């Protein structure tokens, strides 16, 4: 995934991930799943 939009199309999910993780490459497995 190149950005959080490729993880989820749900705006609430994208914004919450972007608020907590520096980038999509920092996203941990358990949350990303």
ModelCIF file with pLDDT and N, C-alpha, C, O atoms, coordinates in Angstrom:
data_MODEL
#
_entry.id   MODEL 
#
_entity.id                         1 
_entity.type                       polymer 
_entity.pdbx_number_of_molecules   1 
#
_entity_poly.entity_id                      1 
_entity_poly.type                           'polypeptide(L)' 
_entity_poly.nstd_linkage                   no 
_entity_poly.nstd_monomer                   no 
_entity_poly.pdbx_seq_one_letter_code       
;(UNK)(UNK)(UNK)(UNK)(UNK)(UNK)(UNK)(UNK)(UNK)(UNK)(UNK)(UNK)(UNK)(UNK)(UNK)(UNK)
(UNK)(UNK)(UNK)(UNK)(UNK)(UNK)(UNK)(UNK)(UNK)(UNK)(UNK)(UNK)(UNK)(UNK)(UNK)(UNK)
(UNK)
;
_entity_poly.pdbx_seq_one_letter_code_can   XXXXXXXXXXXXXXXXXXXXXXXXXXXXXXXXX 
_entity_poly.pdbx_strand_id                 A 
#
loop_
_entity_poly_seq.entity_id 
_entity_poly_seq.num 
_entity_poly_seq.mon_id 
_entity_poly_seq.hetero 
1 1  UNK n 
1 2  UNK n 
1 3  UNK n 
1 4  UNK n 
1 5  UNK n 
1 6  UNK n 
1 7  UNK n 
1 8  UNK n 
1 9  UNK n 
1 10 UNK n 
1 11 UNK n 
1 12 UNK n 
1 13 UNK n 
1 14 UNK n 
1 15 UNK n 
1 16 UNK n 
1 17 UNK n 
1 18 UNK n 
1 19 UNK n 
1 20 UNK n 
1 21 UNK n 
1 22 UNK n 
1 23 UNK n 
1 24 UNK n 
1 25 UNK n 
1 26 UNK n 
1 27 UNK n 
1 28 UNK n 
1 29 UNK n 
1 30 UNK n 
1 31 UNK n 
1 32 UNK n 
1 33 UNK n 
#
_struct_asym.id          A 
_struct_asym.entity_id   1 
#
loop_
_ma_qa_metric.id 
_ma_qa_metric.mode 
_ma_qa_metric.name 
_ma_qa_metric.software_group_id 
_ma_qa_metric.type 
1 global pLDDT . pLDDT 
2 local  pLDDT . pLDDT 
#
_ma_qa_metric_global.metric_id      1 
_ma_qa_metric_global.metric_value   95.24 
_ma_qa_metric_global.model_id       1 
_ma_qa_metric_global.ordinal_id     1 
#
loop_
_ma_qa_metric_local.label_asym_id 
_ma_qa_metric_local.label_comp_id 
_ma_qa_metric_local.label_seq_id 
_ma_qa_metric_local.metric_id 
_ma_qa_metric_local.metric_value 
_ma_qa_metric_local.model_id 
_ma_qa_metric_local.ordinal_id 
A UNK 1  2 94.00 1 1  
A UNK 2  2 94.00 1 2  
A UNK 3  2 94.00 1 3  
A UNK 4  2 95.00 1 4  
A UNK 5  2 93.00 1 5  
A UNK 6  2 93.00 1 6  
A UNK 7  2 94.00 1 7  
A UNK 8  2 93.00 1 8  
A UNK 9  2 90.00 1 9  
A UNK 10 2 92.00 1 10 
A UNK 11 2 94.00 1 11 
A UNK 12 2 94.00 1 12 
A UNK 13 2 95.00 1 13 
A UNK 14 2 95.00 1 14 
A UNK 15 2 96.00 1 15 
A UNK 16 2 97.00 1 16 
A UNK 17 2 97.00 1 17 
A UNK 18 2 97.00 1 18 
A UNK 19 2 97.00 1 19 
A UNK 20 2 97.00 1 20 
A UNK 21 2 97.00 1 21 
A UNK 22 2 96.00 1 22 
A UNK 23 2 96.00 1 23 
A UNK 24 2 96.00 1 24 
A UNK 25 2 96.00 1 25 
A UNK 26 2 97.00 1 26 
A UNK 27 2 97.00 1 27 
A UNK 28 2 97.00 1 28 
A UNK 29 2 96.00 1 29 
A UNK 30 2 96.00 1 30 
A UNK 31 2 97.00 1 31 
A UNK 32 2 96.00 1 32 
A UNK 33 2 95.00 1 33 
#
loop_
_atom_site.group_PDB 
_atom_site.id 
_atom_site.type_symbol 
_atom_site.label_atom_id 
_atom_site.label_alt_id 
_atom_site.label_comp_id 
_atom_site.label_asym_id 
_atom_site.label_entity_id 
_atom_site.label_seq_id 
_atom_site.pdbx_PDB_ins_code 
_atom_site.Cartn_x 
_atom_site.Cartn_y 
_atom_site.Cartn_z 
_atom_site.occupancy 
_atom_site.B_iso_or_equiv 
_atom_site.pdbx_formal_charge 
_atom_site.auth_seq_id 
_atom_site.auth_comp_id 
_atom_site.auth_asym_id 
_atom_site.auth_atom_id 
_atom_site.pdbx_PDB_model_num 
ATOM 1   N N  . UNK A 1 1  ? 0.848   -1.197 0.000  1.00 94.00 ? 1  UNK A N  1 
ATOM 2   C CA . UNK A 1 1  ? 0.000   0.000  0.000  1.00 94.00 ? 1  UNK A CA 1 
ATOM 3   C C  . UNK A 1 1  ? 0.879   1.242  0.000  1.00 94.00 ? 1  UNK A C  1 
ATOM 4   O O  . UNK A 1 1  ? 1.858   1.308  0.744  1.00 94.00 ? 1  UNK A O  1 
ATOM 5   N N  . UNK A 1 2  ? 0.540   2.230  -0.831 1.00 94.00 ? 2  UNK A N  1 
ATOM 6   C CA . UNK A 1 2  ? 1.343   3.456  -0.918 1.00 94.00 ? 2  UNK A CA 1 
ATOM 7   C C  . UNK A 1 2  ? 0.818   4.555  -0.004 1.00 94.00 ? 2  UNK A C  1 
ATOM 8   O O  . UNK A 1 2  ? 1.554   5.479  0.343  1.00 94.00 ? 2  UNK A O  1 
ATOM 9   N N  . UNK A 1 3  ? -0.443  4.461  0.385  1.00 94.00 ? 3  UNK A N  1 
ATOM 10  C CA . UNK A 1 3  ? -1.016  5.446  1.299  1.00 94.00 ? 3  UNK A CA 1 
ATOM 11  C C  . UNK A 1 3  ? -2.200  4.805  2.011  1.00 94.00 ? 3  UNK A C  1 
ATOM 12  O O  . UNK A 1 3  ? -2.600  3.688  1.682  1.00 94.00 ? 3  UNK A O  1 
ATOM 13  N N  . UNK A 1 4  ? -2.749  5.504  2.971  1.00 95.00 ? 4  UNK A N  1 
ATOM 14  C CA . UNK A 1 4  ? -3.838  4.937  3.771  1.00 95.00 ? 4  UNK A CA 1 
ATOM 15  C C  . UNK A 1 4  ? -5.114  4.738  2.952  1.00 95.00 ? 4  UNK A C  1 
ATOM 16  O O  . UNK A 1 4  ? -5.956  3.916  3.316  1.00 95.00 ? 4  UNK A O  1 
ATOM 17  N N  . UNK A 1 5  ? -5.269  5.481  1.849  1.00 93.00 ? 5  UNK A N  1 
ATOM 18  C CA . UNK A 1 5  ? -6.438  5.313  0.998  1.00 93.00 ? 5  UNK A CA 1 
ATOM 19  C C  . UNK A 1 5  ? -6.448  3.934  0.333  1.00 93.00 ? 5  UNK A C  1 
ATOM 20  O O  . UNK A 1 5  ? -7.508  3.439  -0.052 1.00 93.00 ? 5  UNK A O  1 
ATOM 21  N N  . UNK A 1 6  ? -5.275  3.314  0.196  1.00 93.00 ? 6  UNK A N  1 
ATOM 22  C CA . UNK A 1 6  ? -5.215  1.966  -0.372 1.00 93.00 ? 6  UNK A CA 1 
ATOM 23  C C  . UNK A 1 6  ? -5.427  0.892  0.687  1.00 93.00 ? 6  UNK A C  1 
ATOM 24  O O  . UNK A 1 6  ? -5.514  -0.293 0.365  1.00 93.00 ? 6  UNK A O  1 
ATOM 25  N N  . UNK A 1 7  ? -5.508  1.300  1.930  1.00 94.00 ? 7  UNK A N  1 
ATOM 26  C CA . UNK A 1 7  ? -5.865  0.367  3.006  1.00 94.00 ? 7  UNK A CA 1 
ATOM 27  C C  . UNK A 1 7  ? -7.374  0.348  3.179  1.00 94.00 ? 7  UNK A C  1 
ATOM 28  O O  . UNK A 1 7  ? -7.980  -0.716 3.305  1.00 94.00 ? 7  UNK A O  1 
ATOM 29  N N  . UNK A 1 8  ? -7.978  1.533  3.185  1.00 93.00 ? 8  UNK A N  1 
ATOM 30  C CA . UNK A 1 8  ? -9.426  1.625  3.395  1.00 93.00 ? 8  UNK A CA 1 
ATOM 31  C C  . UNK A 1 8  ? -9.988  2.823  2.653  1.00 93.00 ? 8  UNK A C  1 
ATOM 32  O O  . UNK A 1 8  ? -9.361  3.880  2.579  1.00 93.00 ? 8  UNK A O  1 
ATOM 33  N N  . UNK A 1 9  ? -11.186 2.640  2.104  1.00 90.00 ? 9  UNK A N  1 
ATOM 34  C CA . UNK A 1 9  ? -11.901 3.744  1.481  1.00 90.00 ? 9  UNK A CA 1 
ATOM 35  C C  . UNK A 1 9  ? -12.810 4.469  2.449  1.00 90.00 ? 9  UNK A C  1 
ATOM 36  O O  . UNK A 1 9  ? -13.453 5.450  2.074  1.00 90.00 ? 9  UNK A O  1 
ATOM 37  N N  . UNK A 1 10 ? -12.878 4.007  3.688  1.00 92.00 ? 10 UNK A N  1 
ATOM 38  C CA . UNK A 1 10 ? -13.716 4.637  4.708  1.00 92.00 ? 10 UNK A CA 1 
ATOM 39  C C  . UNK A 1 10 ? -12.982 5.870  5.243  1.00 92.00 ? 10 UNK A C  1 
ATOM 40  O O  . UNK A 1 10 ? -11.902 5.727  5.816  1.00 92.00 ? 10 UNK A O  1 
ATOM 41  N N  . UNK A 1 11 ? -13.533 7.074  5.072  1.00 94.00 ? 11 UNK A N  1 
ATOM 42  C CA . UNK A 1 11 ? -12.834 8.279  5.532  1.00 94.00 ? 11 UNK A CA 1 
ATOM 43  C C  . UNK A 1 11 ? -12.485 8.239  7.012  1.00 94.00 ? 11 UNK A C  1 
ATOM 44  O O  . UNK A 1 11 ? -11.413 8.697  7.406  1.00 94.00 ? 11 UNK A O  1 
ATOM 45  N N  . UNK A 1 12 ? -13.372 7.699  7.832  1.00 94.00 ? 12 UNK A N  1 
ATOM 46  C CA . UNK A 1 12 ? -13.098 7.658  9.265  1.00 94.00 ? 12 UNK A CA 1 
ATOM 47  C C  . UNK A 1 12 ? -11.870 6.802  9.556  1.00 94.00 ? 12 UNK A C  1 
ATOM 48  O O  . UNK A 1 12 ? -11.033 7.174  10.379 1.00 94.00 ? 12 UNK A O  1 
ATOM 49  N N  . UNK A 1 13 ? -11.759 5.655  8.881  1.00 95.00 ? 13 UNK A N  1 
ATOM 50  C CA . UNK A 1 13 ? -10.615 4.773  9.090  1.00 95.00 ? 13 UNK A CA 1 
ATOM 51  C C  . UNK A 1 13 ? -9.339  5.434  8.588  1.00 95.00 ? 13 UNK A C  1 
ATOM 52  O O  . UNK A 1 13 ? -8.323  5.432  9.283  1.00 95.00 ? 13 UNK A O  1 
ATOM 53  N N  . UNK A 1 14 ? -9.384  6.004  7.377  1.00 95.00 ? 14 UNK A N  1 
ATOM 54  C CA . UNK A 1 14 ? -8.192  6.649  6.812  1.00 95.00 ? 14 UNK A CA 1 
ATOM 55  C C  . UNK A 1 14 ? -7.686  7.764  7.725  1.00 95.00 ? 14 UNK A C  1 
ATOM 56  O O  . UNK A 1 14 ? -6.492  7.861  8.008  1.00 95.00 ? 14 UNK A O  1 
ATOM 57  N N  . UNK A 1 15 ? -8.601  8.586  8.172  1.00 96.00 ? 15 UNK A N  1 
ATOM 58  C CA . UNK A 1 15 ? -8.193  9.720  9.015  1.00 96.00 ? 15 UNK A CA 1 
ATOM 59  C C  . UNK A 1 15 ? -7.637  9.255  10.351 1.00 96.00 ? 15 UNK A C  1 
ATOM 60  O O  . UNK A 1 15 ? -6.674  9.829  10.861 1.00 96.00 ? 15 UNK A O  1 
ATOM 61  N N  . UNK A 1 16 ? -8.240  8.219  10.919 1.00 97.00 ? 16 UNK A N  1 
ATOM 62  C CA . UNK A 1 16 ? -7.758  7.714  12.209 1.00 97.00 ? 16 UNK A CA 1 
ATOM 63  C C  . UNK A 1 16 ? -6.372  7.096  12.076 1.00 97.00 ? 16 UNK A C  1 
ATOM 64  O O  . UNK A 1 16 ? -5.536  7.254  12.965 1.00 97.00 ? 16 UNK A O  1 
ATOM 65  N N  . UNK A 1 17 ? -6.124  6.399  10.980 1.00 97.00 ? 17 UNK A N  1 
ATOM 66  C CA . UNK A 1 17 ? -4.792  5.824  10.762 1.00 97.00 ? 17 UNK A CA 1 
ATOM 67  C C  . UNK A 1 17 ? -3.759  6.923  10.547 1.00 97.00 ? 17 UNK A C  1 
ATOM 68  O O  . UNK A 1 17 ? -2.669  6.886  11.118 1.00 97.00 ? 17 UNK A O  1 
ATOM 69  N N  . UNK A 1 18 ? -4.114  7.901  9.720  1.00 97.00 ? 18 UNK A N  1 
ATOM 70  C CA . UNK A 1 18 ? -3.181  8.996  9.441  1.00 97.00 ? 18 UNK A CA 1 
ATOM 71  C C  . UNK A 1 18 ? -2.871  9.810  10.690 1.00 97.00 ? 18 UNK A C  1 
ATOM 72  O O  . UNK A 1 18 ? -1.781  10.367 10.827 1.00 97.00 ? 18 UNK A O  1 
ATOM 73  N N  . UNK A 1 19 ? -3.838  9.872  11.597 1.00 97.00 ? 19 UNK A N  1 
ATOM 74  C CA . UNK A 1 19 ? -3.644  10.615 12.846 1.00 97.00 ? 19 UNK A CA 1 
ATOM 75  C C  . UNK A 1 19 ? -2.693  9.901  13.801 1.00 97.00 ? 19 UNK A C  1 
ATOM 76  O O  . UNK A 1 19 ? -2.086  10.537 14.663 1.00 97.00 ? 19 UNK A O  1 
ATOM 77  N N  . UNK A 1 20 ? -2.560  8.576  13.652 1.00 97.00 ? 20 UNK A N  1 
ATOM 78  C CA . UNK A 1 20 ? -1.775  7.794  14.613 1.00 97.00 ? 20 UNK A CA 1 
ATOM 79  C C  . UNK A 1 20 ? -0.449  7.279  14.063 1.00 97.00 ? 20 UNK A C  1 
ATOM 80  O O  . UNK A 1 20 ? 0.499   7.080  14.822 1.00 97.00 ? 20 UNK A O  1 
ATOM 81  N N  . UNK A 1 21 ? -0.374  7.062  12.755 1.00 97.00 ? 21 UNK A N  1 
ATOM 82  C CA . UNK A 1 21 ? 0.838   6.473  12.174 1.00 97.00 ? 21 UNK A CA 1 
ATOM 83  C C  . UNK A 1 21 ? 1.523   7.482  11.260 1.00 97.00 ? 21 UNK A C  1 
ATOM 84  O O  . UNK A 1 21 ? 0.863   8.195  10.504 1.00 97.00 ? 21 UNK A O  1 
ATOM 85  N N  . UNK A 1 22 ? 2.819   7.536  11.333 1.00 96.00 ? 22 UNK A N  1 
ATOM 86  C CA . UNK A 1 22 ? 3.598   8.499  10.547 1.00 96.00 ? 22 UNK A CA 1 
ATOM 87  C C  . UNK A 1 22 ? 3.379   8.298  9.051  1.00 96.00 ? 22 UNK A C  1 
ATOM 88  O O  . UNK A 1 22 ? 3.271   9.266  8.297  1.00 96.00 ? 22 UNK A O  1 
ATOM 89  N N  . UNK A 1 23 ? 3.314   7.042  8.629  1.00 96.00 ? 23 UNK A N  1 
ATOM 90  C CA . UNK A 1 23 ? 3.060   6.721  7.234  1.00 96.00 ? 23 UNK A CA 1 
ATOM 91  C C  . UNK A 1 23 ? 2.468   5.324  7.162  1.00 96.00 ? 23 UNK A C  1 
ATOM 92  O O  . UNK A 1 23 ? 2.432   4.607  8.163  1.00 96.00 ? 23 UNK A O  1 
ATOM 93  N N  . UNK A 1 24 ? 2.002   4.935  5.977  1.00 96.00 ? 24 UNK A N  1 
ATOM 94  C CA . UNK A 1 24 ? 1.430   3.605  5.819  1.00 96.00 ? 24 UNK A CA 1 
ATOM 95  C C  . UNK A 1 24 ? 2.485   2.526  6.061  1.00 96.00 ? 24 UNK A C  1 
ATOM 96  O O  . UNK A 1 24 ? 2.134   1.408  6.438  1.00 96.00 ? 24 UNK A O  1 
ATOM 97  N N  . UNK A 1 25 ? 3.761   2.831  5.856  1.00 96.00 ? 25 UNK A N  1 
ATOM 98  C CA . UNK A 1 25 ? 4.813   1.847  6.108  1.00 96.00 ? 25 UNK A CA 1 
ATOM 99  C C  . UNK A 1 25 ? 5.043   1.603  7.598  1.00 96.00 ? 25 UNK A C  1 
ATOM 100 O O  . UNK A 1 25 ? 5.688   0.626  7.978  1.00 96.00 ? 25 UNK A O  1 
ATOM 101 N N  . UNK A 1 26 ? 4.512   2.498  8.445  1.00 97.00 ? 26 UNK A N  1 
ATOM 102 C CA . UNK A 1 26 ? 4.615   2.296  9.896  1.00 97.00 ? 26 UNK A CA 1 
ATOM 103 C C  . UNK A 1 26 ? 3.409   1.539  10.454 1.00 97.00 ? 26 UNK A C  1 
ATOM 104 O O  . UNK A 1 26 ? 3.405   1.143  11.619 1.00 97.00 ? 26 UNK A O  1 
ATOM 105 N N  . UNK A 1 27 ? 2.405   1.344  9.630  1.00 97.00 ? 27 UNK A N  1 
ATOM 106 C CA . UNK A 1 27 ? 1.196   0.663  10.092 1.00 97.00 ? 27 UNK A CA 1 
ATOM 107 C C  . UNK A 1 27 ? 1.514   -0.772 10.487 1.00 97.00 ? 27 UNK A C  1 
ATOM 108 O O  . UNK A 1 27 ? 2.125   -1.512 9.716  1.00 97.00 ? 27 UNK A O  1 
ATOM 109 N N  . UNK A 1 28 ? 1.101   -1.163 11.689 1.00 97.00 ? 28 UNK A N  1 
ATOM 110 C CA . UNK A 1 28 ? 1.424   -2.501 12.183 1.00 97.00 ? 28 UNK A CA 1 
ATOM 111 C C  . UNK A 1 28 ? 0.425   -3.526 11.653 1.00 97.00 ? 28 UNK A C  1 
ATOM 112 O O  . UNK A 1 28 ? -0.698  -3.190 11.279 1.00 97.00 ? 28 UNK A O  1 
ATOM 113 N N  . UNK A 1 29 ? 0.864   -4.784 11.633 1.00 96.00 ? 29 UNK A N  1 
ATOM 114 C CA . UNK A 1 29 ? 0.063   -5.847 11.046 1.00 96.00 ? 29 UNK A CA 1 
ATOM 115 C C  . UNK A 1 29 ? -1.306  -5.947 11.680 1.00 96.00 ? 29 UNK A C  1 
ATOM 116 O O  . UNK A 1 29 ? -2.309  -5.977 10.967 1.00 96.00 ? 29 UNK A O  1 
ATOM 117 N N  . UNK A 1 30 ? -1.378  -5.999 13.002 1.00 96.00 ? 30 UNK A N  1 
ATOM 118 C CA . UNK A 1 30 ? -2.651  -6.273 13.673 1.00 96.00 ? 30 UNK A CA 1 
ATOM 119 C C  . UNK A 1 30 ? -3.696  -5.221 13.326 1.00 96.00 ? 30 UNK A C  1 
ATOM 120 O O  . UNK A 1 30 ? -4.854  -5.556 13.076 1.00 96.00 ? 30 UNK A O  1 
ATOM 121 N N  . UNK A 1 31 ? -3.300  -3.956 13.309 1.00 97.00 ? 31 UNK A N  1 
ATOM 122 C CA . UNK A 1 31 ? -4.249  -2.894 12.966 1.00 97.00 ? 31 UNK A CA 1 
ATOM 123 C C  . UNK A 1 31 ? -4.566  -2.924 11.475 1.00 97.00 ? 31 UNK A C  1 
ATOM 124 O O  . UNK A 1 31 ? -5.727  -2.790 11.088 1.00 97.00 ? 31 UNK A O  1 
ATOM 125 N N  . UNK A 1 32 ? -3.550  -3.099 10.637 1.00 96.00 ? 32 UNK A N  1 
ATOM 126 C CA . UNK A 1 32 ? -3.777  -3.107 9.200  1.00 96.00 ? 32 UNK A CA 1 
ATOM 127 C C  . UNK A 1 32 ? -4.710  -4.208 8.742  1.00 96.00 ? 32 UNK A C  1 
ATOM 128 O O  . UNK A 1 32 ? -5.526  -4.002 7.843  1.00 96.00 ? 32 UNK A O  1 
ATOM 129 N N  . UNK A 1 33 ? -4.596  -5.377 9.354  1.00 95.00 ? 33 UNK A N  1 
ATOM 130 C CA . UNK A 1 33 ? -5.470  -6.499 8.987  1.00 95.00 ? 33 UNK A CA 1 
ATOM 131 C C  . UNK A 1 33 ? -6.943  -6.131 9.097  1.00 95.00 ? 33 UNK A C  1 
ATOM 132 O O  . UNK A 1 33 ? -7.809  -6.962 8.825  1.00 95.00 ? 33 UNK A O  1 
#
